[in-house]
Amino acid sequence: MKKLSLVLAVMLLASAVWSLAAGAAEYTLGVGDVLRITVWGHADLATEVAIRPDGYLTFPLVGDLWAVDKTPRQISSELQNMLAEFIVNPQVTVIVSQFRTLHVQVLGEVKESGYYQLKAGARLADVLALAGGPTATADLSSVTVTRYVLDEGGQEHSRVLQVDVNQFLQGGDLAANPLLESGDMIYVPPAGRAAIFGEVRQPASYSLGQGLDILELLAAAGGALDTADLERVVVTSQGEEGPLERIVNVQELLSGRGRPTALRPNDVVFVPKKQQVMVLGAVQNPGVYPLHSEATLLEIIARAGGVLPTGDPSAIAITRRGAGQELIVADLQPALSGRTGGDNPTVDPDDVIFVPEGYQNALILGAVRSPGSFAVREQWRILDLLAEAGGTTERAGDELTLLRSGVTRTIDLGALERLGLQNERVLPGDVLYVAEGSRQVLVLGEVARPGAYEFRRGDRLLDALALAGGLTPEAWEEQVSLT
């Protein structure tokens, strides 16, 4: 952004010389200009007169003449017509002997706001250059120029010009670089912000700056995670009739195909997770497989090369994360043998499928350091199997689920590990699952410290906002959304 601001400042400075030259031929008079007026052959009528604050000048024999927004040539022609009543074929010459000084004020997103003096004929780009150029958060597409103008009756009115300076900087459109008048007030507004969350390294709200597009916003957020699905990025904009969503294939943009999508203030960009499943255990090709459409367990196992001869297809474990955590044990043996019956459930994105080894094994999954299938030794108990799996991780919850012969039981993991309670013998075919207990909430938008925070059971919305440092002064308290 700093480099971009420097480039804009240089462009603004360079445009100053050109814009003054372009405006010189069309110079119009204003309050404070001093004119030298002579009539050929009538030295007694020669005079030097300033245009008064009411917009008029005074000339002998003629009286008051409206001069603001007229060129010297127009004043000369009007005086010749008026003097024709007193002089035969008058020849009038009008020269600007002293150009007025413009006093303008610059506010908003510029390096140095304040009052500036410029010569007549100066344009908007000239004063922006004098003010040090725009800041990184400036919105040059909606600069306003507030001007006070006099009508021929001497009444003062305000007029607001909306200017897209980018059209001048990028395309040379002179209408987007208007002439300034003394008393003008120029305001450069901030560009607004856009939020990005999902599978990115630093989800937060970012300033749009000088026309930020979706690729630049992704870079500002630290880039996408390996789990991000960049082919289905969702951009939500606020329209007149409500939110409007569009899907953007960012992967194509990164490959140089297509044009990056420009963002608007208050846009929300969501980078979703890849739709995929993981297959582990006794299959020919363990690994991660994408989900492009609805698929069954049998289809996914087939894509993984099928079950090894040493595998046990009657106790395939599916670990699923949805509203909570769920362990599903499926019997795929009948389907693989061409018989009816058994199980063939539909798999969901992020499912972890584990095919255990042999019939004399026990399977332990979830929040343990080395989940997998282990051969059951004589007199083994649950704590022995946990130790074989490396013990529980720091994310382990308070419960252990034991599935035996189709019956599910819940064991207090804390009492088991600390006191040895319910430390039952492990039998071949047992499936144990240690659920994760830590939870996180993602807080975005107008808070002091946007990000992900761990919360405790029973926490409420205000607790999450407090973890993020509380609301900023710009926050809209009535529109907090919980997804």
Protein backbone atom coordinates (compact mmCIF):
# COMPACT_ATOMS: atom_id res chain seq x y z
CA MET A 1 0.00 0.00 0.00
CA LYS A 2 2.88 2.38 0.81
CA LYS A 3 4.36 1.84 -2.66
CA LEU A 4 0.96 2.45 -4.25
CA SER A 5 0.49 5.71 -2.33
CA LEU A 6 3.95 6.89 -3.43
CA VAL A 7 3.14 6.13 -7.07
CA LEU A 8 -0.17 8.03 -6.80
CA ALA A 9 1.57 11.00 -5.22
CA VAL A 10 4.12 11.12 -8.07
CA MET A 11 1.31 10.89 -10.64
CA LEU A 12 -0.56 13.72 -8.93
CA LEU A 13 2.55 15.92 -8.93
CA ALA A 14 3.20 15.16 -12.58
CA SER A 15 -0.39 15.95 -13.48
CA ALA A 16 -0.15 19.40 -11.89
CA VAL A 17 1.98 20.86 -14.68
CA TRP A 18 -0.19 19.33 -17.40
CA SER A 19 -3.48 20.36 -15.83
CA LEU A 20 -2.37 23.99 -15.46
CA ALA A 21 -1.33 24.08 -19.11
CA ALA A 22 -4.61 22.49 -20.17
CA GLY A 23 -6.63 25.02 -18.19
CA ALA A 24 -4.71 28.18 -19.25
CA ALA A 25 -6.46 28.55 -22.60
CA GLU A 26 -9.87 28.36 -20.94
CA TYR A 27 -9.14 30.71 -18.03
CA THR A 28 -12.28 32.13 -16.50
CA LEU A 29 -12.42 35.12 -14.20
CA GLY A 30 -13.24 35.05 -10.54
CA VAL A 31 -13.37 37.22 -7.45
CA GLY A 32 -9.95 38.81 -6.82
CA ASP A 33 -8.74 38.95 -10.45
CA VAL A 34 -7.42 42.41 -11.45
CA LEU A 35 -8.10 43.53 -15.05
CA ARG A 36 -6.38 46.25 -17.12
CA ILE A 37 -8.98 47.64 -19.55
CA THR A 38 -8.11 50.07 -22.36
CA VAL A 39 -10.16 51.62 -25.18
CA TRP A 40 -8.18 52.46 -28.31
CA GLY A 41 -8.04 56.17 -28.89
CA HIS A 42 -9.53 57.00 -25.47
CA ALA A 43 -6.72 57.09 -22.93
CA ASP A 44 -9.05 58.70 -20.40
CA LEU A 45 -11.04 55.46 -20.19
CA ALA A 46 -8.02 53.24 -19.40
CA THR A 47 -8.49 51.68 -15.97
CA GLU A 48 -7.34 48.85 -13.76
CA VAL A 49 -10.17 47.24 -11.81
CA ALA A 50 -10.57 44.26 -9.51
CA ILE A 51 -13.56 41.91 -9.56
CA ARG A 52 -15.39 42.59 -6.32
CA PRO A 53 -16.57 39.92 -3.80
CA ASP A 54 -20.10 40.32 -5.21
CA GLY A 55 -18.85 39.15 -8.63
CA TYR A 56 -19.09 42.55 -10.43
CA LEU A 57 -16.55 45.03 -11.83
CA THR A 58 -17.14 48.73 -12.48
CA PHE A 59 -16.17 50.57 -15.69
CA PRO A 60 -16.69 54.21 -16.72
CA LEU A 61 -19.83 54.99 -18.77
CA VAL A 62 -21.01 51.38 -18.31
CA GLY A 63 -21.29 50.95 -14.55
CA ASP A 64 -21.40 47.47 -13.03
CA LEU A 65 -20.79 44.39 -15.16
CA TRP A 66 -21.04 40.76 -14.01
CA ALA A 67 -17.58 39.19 -14.49
CA VAL A 68 -17.40 35.87 -12.62
CA ASP A 69 -17.06 32.75 -14.82
CA LYS A 70 -16.47 34.86 -17.96
CA THR A 71 -13.29 34.98 -20.02
CA PRO A 72 -11.39 38.24 -20.72
CA ARG A 73 -12.50 37.93 -24.35
CA GLN A 74 -16.18 37.85 -23.27
CA ILE A 75 -15.72 40.93 -21.06
CA SER A 76 -14.08 42.76 -23.98
CA SER A 77 -16.97 41.91 -26.33
CA GLU A 78 -19.65 43.00 -23.81
CA LEU A 79 -17.89 46.28 -23.08
CA GLN A 80 -17.62 47.05 -26.81
CA ASN A 81 -21.37 46.52 -27.21
CA MET A 82 -22.17 48.74 -24.21
CA LEU A 83 -19.71 51.53 -25.17
CA ALA A 84 -21.14 51.65 -28.72
CA GLU A 85 -23.84 53.98 -27.35
CA PHE A 86 -21.15 56.54 -26.46
CA ILE A 87 -18.20 55.85 -28.80
CA VAL A 88 -18.07 55.13 -32.50
CA ASN A 89 -16.72 51.62 -33.17
CA PRO A 90 -14.99 51.14 -29.79
CA GLN A 91 -12.03 48.74 -29.62
CA VAL A 92 -11.67 47.35 -26.08
CA THR A 93 -8.70 45.35 -24.79
CA VAL A 94 -8.97 43.35 -21.52
CA ILE A 95 -5.85 41.87 -19.91
CA VAL A 96 -5.56 40.09 -16.56
CA SER A 97 -2.87 42.10 -14.81
CA GLN A 98 -3.01 40.17 -11.56
CA PHE A 99 -4.37 36.68 -11.15
CA ARG A 100 -6.38 35.87 -8.09
CA THR A 101 -5.03 33.51 -5.41
CA LEU A 102 -7.15 30.47 -4.62
CA HIS A 103 -7.64 29.49 -0.98
CA VAL A 104 -8.88 25.92 -0.62
CA GLN A 105 -9.23 23.43 2.24
CA VAL A 106 -8.36 19.72 2.01
CA LEU A 107 -9.74 17.23 4.53
CA GLY A 108 -9.92 13.47 4.94
CA GLU A 109 -7.55 10.74 3.77
CA VAL A 110 -4.54 12.82 2.64
CA LYS A 111 -1.07 12.95 4.16
CA GLU A 112 -1.35 16.62 5.25
CA SER A 113 -4.84 18.07 5.53
CA GLY A 114 -5.27 21.85 5.91
CA TYR A 115 -5.55 25.12 3.96
CA TYR A 116 -3.62 25.67 0.72
CA GLN A 117 -3.02 28.60 -1.63
CA LEU A 118 -2.87 27.98 -5.36
CA LYS A 119 -2.71 30.09 -8.48
CA ALA A 120 -5.80 30.55 -10.59
CA GLY A 121 -6.30 27.71 -13.04
CA ALA A 122 -5.19 25.04 -10.58
CA ARG A 123 -7.03 21.73 -10.62
CA LEU A 124 -8.01 19.09 -8.09
CA ALA A 125 -4.90 16.95 -8.69
CA ASP A 126 -2.69 19.96 -7.94
CA VAL A 127 -3.98 20.47 -4.41
CA LEU A 128 -3.98 16.71 -3.70
CA ALA A 129 -0.29 16.70 -4.62
CA LEU A 130 0.37 19.67 -2.32
CA ALA A 131 -1.39 17.76 0.48
CA GLY A 132 1.13 14.92 0.11
CA GLY A 133 -1.12 12.62 -1.89
CA PRO A 134 -3.77 10.19 -0.64
CA THR A 135 -3.24 7.81 2.27
CA ALA A 136 -3.33 4.04 1.88
CA THR A 137 -6.97 4.00 3.05
CA ALA A 138 -8.24 6.76 0.71
CA ASP A 139 -11.13 6.23 -1.70
CA LEU A 140 -10.27 8.35 -4.74
CA SER A 141 -13.40 7.19 -6.56
CA SER A 142 -15.71 9.43 -4.50
CA VAL A 143 -13.84 12.66 -3.70
CA THR A 144 -16.21 15.58 -3.02
CA VAL A 145 -15.61 19.26 -3.81
CA THR A 146 -17.96 21.63 -1.95
CA ARG A 147 -18.12 25.02 -3.64
CA TYR A 148 -19.85 28.31 -2.83
CA VAL A 149 -21.04 30.15 -5.95
CA LEU A 150 -22.65 33.55 -6.53
CA ASP A 151 -25.55 34.05 -8.91
CA GLU A 152 -26.05 37.32 -10.80
CA GLY A 153 -28.28 38.51 -8.00
CA GLY A 154 -25.38 38.27 -5.56
CA GLN A 155 -26.92 35.31 -3.69
CA GLU A 156 -24.51 32.63 -2.44
CA HIS A 157 -25.28 28.95 -2.99
CA SER A 158 -23.39 25.73 -2.23
CA ARG A 159 -22.73 23.10 -4.86
CA VAL A 160 -21.20 19.65 -4.29
CA LEU A 161 -19.18 17.95 -7.04
CA GLN A 162 -18.65 14.16 -6.83
CA VAL A 163 -15.38 13.29 -8.55
CA ASP A 164 -13.82 9.92 -9.42
CA VAL A 165 -10.15 10.93 -9.49
CA ASN A 166 -9.16 7.41 -10.61
CA GLN A 167 -10.65 8.16 -14.03
CA PHE A 168 -8.16 11.00 -14.42
CA LEU A 169 -5.18 9.12 -13.00
CA GLN A 170 -5.82 5.98 -15.03
CA GLY A 171 -7.43 7.33 -18.19
CA GLY A 172 -6.64 11.05 -18.36
CA ASP A 173 -10.31 12.10 -18.16
CA LEU A 174 -10.03 15.87 -17.59
CA ALA A 175 -13.59 16.03 -16.23
CA ALA A 176 -12.32 13.96 -13.30
CA ASN A 177 -9.74 16.68 -12.55
CA PRO A 178 -11.89 19.85 -12.31
CA LEU A 179 -10.69 23.43 -12.00
CA LEU A 180 -10.74 24.76 -8.44
CA GLU A 181 -12.31 27.93 -7.14
CA SER A 182 -11.31 29.95 -4.12
CA GLY A 183 -13.18 28.70 -1.05
CA ASP A 184 -13.51 25.11 -2.30
CA MET A 185 -13.48 22.39 0.35
CA ILE A 186 -12.11 19.04 -0.84
CA TYR A 187 -12.87 15.87 1.13
CA VAL A 188 -11.17 12.53 0.41
CA PRO A 189 -13.21 9.79 2.17
CA PRO A 190 -11.89 6.51 3.60
CA ALA A 191 -12.24 3.52 1.33
CA GLY A 192 -14.27 1.36 3.70
CA ARG A 193 -13.48 -2.19 4.81
CA ALA A 194 -14.07 -5.76 3.71
CA ALA A 195 -13.99 -8.87 5.91
CA ILE A 196 -12.47 -12.22 5.05
CA PHE A 197 -12.82 -15.39 7.12
CA GLY A 198 -12.77 -19.13 6.73
CA GLU A 199 -9.66 -21.03 5.65
CA VAL A 200 -7.18 -18.10 5.74
CA ARG A 201 -4.27 -17.47 8.09
CA GLN A 202 -5.44 -14.13 9.52
CA PRO A 203 -9.26 -13.78 9.31
CA ALA A 204 -10.22 -10.16 10.03
CA SER A 205 -11.62 -6.95 8.54
CA TYR A 206 -9.25 -5.03 6.22
CA SER A 207 -9.27 -1.55 4.69
CA LEU A 208 -10.02 -1.60 0.96
CA GLY A 209 -7.41 1.10 0.35
CA GLN A 210 -6.78 1.97 -3.29
CA GLY A 211 -9.24 -0.39 -4.96
CA LEU A 212 -8.38 -3.65 -3.18
CA ASP A 213 -9.43 -6.76 -5.13
CA ILE A 214 -10.06 -10.28 -3.88
CA LEU A 215 -6.49 -11.49 -4.50
CA GLU A 216 -5.02 -8.53 -2.60
CA LEU A 217 -7.44 -9.12 0.29
CA LEU A 218 -6.42 -12.79 0.38
CA ALA A 219 -2.76 -11.72 0.53
CA ALA A 220 -3.50 -9.22 3.31
CA ALA A 221 -5.06 -12.09 5.31
CA GLY A 222 -1.80 -14.06 5.11
CA GLY A 223 -2.90 -16.30 2.26
CA ALA A 224 -5.11 -19.40 2.21
CA LEU A 225 -4.61 -22.50 4.34
CA ASP A 226 -3.87 -25.87 2.74
CA THR A 227 -7.43 -26.90 3.57
CA ALA A 228 -8.98 -24.00 1.60
CA ASP A 229 -11.24 -24.65 -1.39
CA LEU A 230 -10.26 -21.71 -3.61
CA GLU A 231 -12.61 -22.82 -6.39
CA ARG A 232 -15.74 -21.95 -4.37
CA VAL A 233 -14.95 -18.67 -2.54
CA VAL A 234 -18.17 -16.85 -1.58
CA VAL A 235 -18.36 -13.04 -1.79
CA THR A 236 -21.39 -11.47 -0.06
CA SER A 237 -22.31 -7.85 -0.88
CA GLN A 238 -25.05 -5.68 0.55
CA GLY A 239 -27.55 -4.76 -2.19
CA GLU A 240 -30.62 -2.57 -2.07
CA GLU A 241 -32.85 -5.61 -1.64
CA GLY A 242 -30.62 -7.49 0.79
CA PRO A 243 -27.40 -9.58 0.70
CA LEU A 244 -26.15 -10.76 -2.70
CA GLU A 245 -23.86 -13.79 -2.93
CA ARG A 246 -21.57 -14.77 -5.79
CA ILE A 247 -19.11 -17.65 -6.16
CA VAL A 248 -15.58 -16.74 -7.29
CA ASN A 249 -13.04 -19.26 -8.60
CA VAL A 250 -9.93 -17.78 -7.01
CA GLN A 251 -7.84 -20.74 -8.17
CA GLU A 252 -8.34 -19.62 -11.78
CA LEU A 253 -7.35 -16.06 -10.88
CA LEU A 254 -4.15 -17.32 -9.25
CA SER A 255 -3.41 -19.22 -12.47
CA GLY A 256 -3.64 -16.02 -14.49
CA ARG A 257 -7.04 -16.76 -15.99
CA GLY A 258 -9.76 -14.16 -15.59
CA ARG A 259 -9.76 -10.73 -14.02
CA PRO A 260 -9.65 -10.31 -10.19
CA THR A 261 -12.96 -9.33 -8.61
CA ALA A 262 -13.00 -5.78 -7.20
CA LEU A 263 -14.45 -5.48 -3.71
CA ARG A 264 -16.87 -2.93 -2.31
CA PRO A 265 -17.19 -1.52 1.21
CA ASN A 266 -18.73 -4.00 3.69
CA ASP A 267 -18.20 -7.02 1.41
CA VAL A 268 -17.67 -10.32 3.24
CA VAL A 269 -15.43 -12.98 1.69
CA PHE A 270 -15.72 -16.58 2.91
CA VAL A 271 -13.06 -19.14 1.96
CA PRO A 272 -14.59 -22.61 2.59
CA LYS A 273 -12.86 -25.87 3.41
CA LYS A 274 -12.15 -28.39 0.69
CA GLN A 275 -14.86 -31.02 0.34
CA GLN A 276 -12.78 -34.11 1.02
CA VAL A 277 -12.54 -37.29 3.09
CA MET A 278 -9.57 -39.12 4.54
CA VAL A 279 -9.19 -42.92 4.26
CA LEU A 280 -6.77 -44.63 6.64
CA GLY A 281 -5.91 -48.15 7.71
CA ALA A 282 -6.02 -51.42 5.81
CA VAL A 283 -6.71 -50.14 2.26
CA GLN A 284 -4.53 -50.26 -0.84
CA ASN A 285 -4.05 -46.48 -1.13
CA PRO A 286 -4.64 -44.55 2.10
CA GLY A 287 -4.94 -40.80 1.65
CA VAL A 288 -7.20 -37.80 1.10
CA TYR A 289 -9.88 -37.97 -1.60
CA PRO A 290 -11.92 -35.02 -2.91
CA LEU A 291 -15.72 -35.07 -2.82
CA HIS A 292 -17.22 -33.58 -5.96
CA SER A 293 -20.68 -35.06 -5.38
CA GLU A 294 -22.54 -37.30 -2.94
CA ALA A 295 -20.67 -40.57 -2.44
CA THR A 296 -21.19 -43.73 -0.36
CA LEU A 297 -18.67 -45.50 1.84
CA LEU A 298 -18.34 -48.34 -0.69
CA GLU A 299 -17.46 -45.85 -3.47
CA ILE A 300 -14.80 -44.14 -1.36
CA ILE A 301 -13.26 -47.46 -0.31
CA ALA A 302 -13.17 -48.45 -4.00
CA ARG A 303 -11.35 -45.22 -4.87
CA ALA A 304 -8.82 -46.07 -2.14
CA GLY A 305 -8.08 -49.37 -3.91
CA GLY A 306 -10.26 -51.59 -1.76
CA VAL A 307 -9.73 -53.33 1.59
CA LEU A 308 -6.49 -55.28 2.09
CA PRO A 309 -6.76 -59.06 2.76
CA THR A 310 -5.71 -58.34 6.35
CA GLY A 311 -8.39 -55.69 6.82
CA ASP A 312 -11.67 -56.04 8.69
CA PRO A 313 -14.50 -54.55 6.54
CA SER A 314 -17.09 -55.43 9.18
CA ALA A 315 -15.96 -52.68 11.58
CA ILE A 316 -15.04 -49.69 9.43
CA ALA A 317 -15.05 -46.56 11.61
CA ILE A 318 -16.21 -43.16 10.31
CA THR A 319 -15.33 -40.15 12.47
CA ARG A 320 -17.66 -37.29 11.63
CA ARG A 321 -17.63 -33.68 12.80
CA GLY A 322 -20.86 -31.74 12.54
CA ALA A 323 -22.75 -29.96 15.28
CA GLY A 324 -20.80 -32.31 17.59
CA GLN A 325 -18.51 -35.28 17.08
CA GLU A 326 -19.89 -38.63 16.00
CA LEU A 327 -18.43 -42.09 15.59
CA ILE A 328 -20.14 -44.41 13.10
CA VAL A 329 -19.13 -48.07 12.72
CA ALA A 330 -20.22 -49.63 9.43
CA ASP A 331 -20.28 -53.28 8.35
CA LEU A 332 -19.27 -53.29 4.69
CA GLN A 333 -18.59 -57.07 4.58
CA PRO A 334 -21.93 -58.06 2.92
CA ALA A 335 -21.60 -55.43 0.19
CA LEU A 336 -18.01 -56.46 -0.60
CA SER A 337 -19.12 -60.11 -0.72
CA GLY A 338 -22.04 -59.42 -3.06
CA ARG A 339 -24.66 -60.15 -0.42
CA THR A 340 -27.56 -58.06 0.79
CA GLY A 341 -27.55 -56.39 4.16
CA GLY A 342 -24.78 -54.62 6.00
CA ASP A 343 -24.12 -50.90 5.91
CA ASN A 344 -23.21 -48.48 3.13
CA PRO A 345 -23.74 -44.97 4.53
CA THR A 346 -23.26 -41.73 2.61
CA VAL A 347 -20.00 -40.00 3.53
CA ASP A 348 -19.84 -36.30 4.47
CA PRO A 349 -17.08 -33.75 3.86
CA ASP A 350 -14.22 -34.04 6.39
CA ASP A 351 -15.14 -37.61 7.38
CA VAL A 352 -12.21 -39.76 8.50
CA ILE A 353 -12.65 -43.38 7.43
CA PHE A 354 -10.57 -46.07 9.15
CA VAL A 355 -10.42 -49.71 8.06
CA PRO A 356 -9.01 -51.78 10.95
CA GLU A 357 -6.56 -54.66 10.68
CA GLY A 358 -7.81 -58.21 11.35
CA TYR A 359 -10.45 -59.58 13.64
CA GLN A 360 -8.31 -59.75 16.80
CA ASN A 361 -7.71 -56.02 16.96
CA ALA A 362 -9.25 -53.15 18.90
CA LEU A 363 -9.65 -49.74 17.31
CA ILE A 364 -9.01 -46.45 19.14
CA LEU A 365 -9.74 -43.11 17.46
CA GLY A 366 -10.18 -39.43 18.29
CA ALA A 367 -8.03 -37.25 20.55
CA VAL A 368 -5.15 -39.68 21.09
CA ARG A 369 -1.61 -39.22 19.85
CA SER A 370 -1.47 -42.34 17.63
CA PRO A 371 -5.00 -43.39 16.67
CA GLY A 372 -5.32 -46.74 14.95
CA SER A 373 -5.91 -50.46 15.24
CA PHE A 374 -3.97 -52.48 17.81
CA ALA A 375 -3.72 -56.22 18.38
CA VAL A 376 -5.43 -57.12 21.65
CA ARG A 377 -3.03 -58.66 24.14
CA GLU A 378 -4.02 -60.92 26.98
CA GLN A 379 -5.35 -59.10 30.06
CA TRP A 380 -5.22 -55.74 28.26
CA ARG A 381 -7.39 -53.02 29.76
CA ILE A 382 -8.53 -49.62 28.45
CA LEU A 383 -5.62 -47.73 30.05
CA ASP A 384 -3.19 -50.15 28.38
CA LEU A 385 -4.74 -49.45 24.98
CA LEU A 386 -4.62 -45.68 25.64
CA ALA A 387 -0.93 -45.98 26.51
CA GLU A 388 -0.28 -47.99 23.33
CA ALA A 389 -1.94 -45.15 21.36
CA GLY A 390 0.41 -42.60 22.97
CA GLY A 391 -2.07 -41.27 25.50
CA THR A 392 -4.68 -38.56 25.07
CA THR A 393 -3.90 -35.16 23.55
CA GLU A 394 -4.39 -31.78 25.19
CA ARG A 395 -7.60 -31.39 23.16
CA ALA A 396 -9.21 -34.48 24.69
CA GLY A 397 -12.59 -33.98 26.31
CA ASP A 398 -14.12 -35.56 29.40
CA GLU A 399 -15.63 -38.66 27.83
CA LEU A 400 -14.53 -41.87 26.15
CA THR A 401 -17.03 -43.84 24.06
CA LEU A 402 -16.79 -47.65 23.98
CA LEU A 403 -18.60 -49.51 21.20
CA ARG A 404 -18.81 -53.28 21.80
CA SER A 405 -21.03 -55.72 19.89
CA GLY A 406 -23.27 -52.87 18.69
CA VAL A 407 -23.76 -51.43 22.18
CA THR A 408 -22.37 -47.97 23.01
CA ARG A 409 -21.30 -46.92 26.50
CA THR A 410 -19.79 -43.70 27.83
CA ILE A 411 -16.85 -43.71 30.26
CA ASP A 412 -15.67 -40.76 32.38
CA LEU A 413 -12.19 -40.22 30.95
CA GLY A 414 -11.01 -38.07 33.87
CA ALA A 415 -12.01 -40.67 36.45
CA LEU A 416 -10.46 -43.39 34.31
CA GLU A 417 -7.07 -41.66 33.95
CA ARG A 418 -6.85 -40.27 37.50
CA LEU A 419 -8.47 -43.04 39.57
CA GLY A 420 -8.55 -46.03 37.25
CA LEU A 421 -12.35 -46.27 37.43
CA GLN A 422 -14.14 -48.31 34.72
CA ASN A 423 -10.79 -49.63 33.45
CA GLU A 424 -12.37 -52.60 31.72
CA ARG A 425 -10.69 -55.35 29.75
CA VAL A 426 -10.32 -54.71 26.03
CA LEU A 427 -11.87 -57.32 23.74
CA PRO A 428 -11.19 -57.98 20.05
CA GLY A 429 -13.52 -55.85 17.91
CA ASP A 430 -13.86 -53.07 20.52
CA VAL A 431 -13.96 -49.54 19.15
CA LEU A 432 -12.94 -46.71 21.49
CA TYR A 433 -13.37 -43.04 20.68
CA VAL A 434 -11.95 -40.08 22.67
CA ALA A 435 -13.92 -36.95 21.79
CA GLU A 436 -12.28 -33.53 21.61
CA GLY A 437 -13.27 -31.13 24.37
CA SER A 438 -11.82 -27.74 23.45
CA ARG A 439 -14.01 -25.33 21.51
CA GLN A 440 -13.28 -22.20 19.56
CA VAL A 441 -15.32 -19.22 18.46
CA LEU A 442 -14.33 -16.88 15.61
CA VAL A 443 -14.99 -13.18 16.29
CA LEU A 444 -14.79 -10.83 13.27
CA GLY A 445 -15.69 -7.28 12.39
CA GLU A 446 -15.61 -4.18 14.56
CA VAL A 447 -13.88 -5.59 17.64
CA ALA A 448 -10.52 -4.63 19.10
CA ARG A 449 -8.80 -7.97 18.38
CA PRO A 450 -10.54 -10.05 15.68
CA GLY A 451 -9.59 -13.74 15.70
CA ALA A 452 -10.29 -17.23 17.06
CA TYR A 453 -10.71 -17.72 20.82
CA GLU A 454 -11.24 -20.77 23.03
CA PHE A 455 -14.41 -20.63 25.10
CA ARG A 456 -15.77 -22.60 28.03
CA ARG A 457 -19.01 -24.50 28.37
CA GLY A 458 -21.73 -22.02 29.32
CA ASP A 459 -20.07 -18.93 27.79
CA ARG A 460 -22.39 -16.42 26.11
CA LEU A 461 -22.09 -13.90 23.30
CA LEU A 462 -20.83 -11.10 25.56
CA ASP A 463 -18.08 -13.40 26.85
CA ALA A 464 -16.84 -13.96 23.29
CA LEU A 465 -16.89 -10.20 22.58
CA ALA A 466 -14.92 -9.60 25.79
CA LEU A 467 -12.27 -12.15 24.72
CA ALA A 468 -11.86 -10.13 21.49
CA GLY A 469 -11.26 -6.90 23.41
CA GLY A 470 -14.77 -5.50 23.14
CA LEU A 471 -16.50 -3.49 20.43
CA THR A 472 -14.84 -0.60 18.57
CA PRO A 473 -16.49 2.87 18.55
CA GLU A 474 -17.67 2.20 14.96
CA ALA A 475 -19.46 -1.05 15.86
CA TRP A 476 -23.19 -1.35 15.12
CA GLU A 477 -24.38 -3.04 18.31
CA GLU A 478 -27.88 -3.75 16.97
CA GLN A 479 -26.56 -5.80 14.02
CA VAL A 480 -24.21 -8.34 15.66
CA SER A 481 -24.63 -11.61 13.75
CA LEU A 482 -24.04 -15.13 15.08
CA THR A 483 -23.37 -17.80 12.46
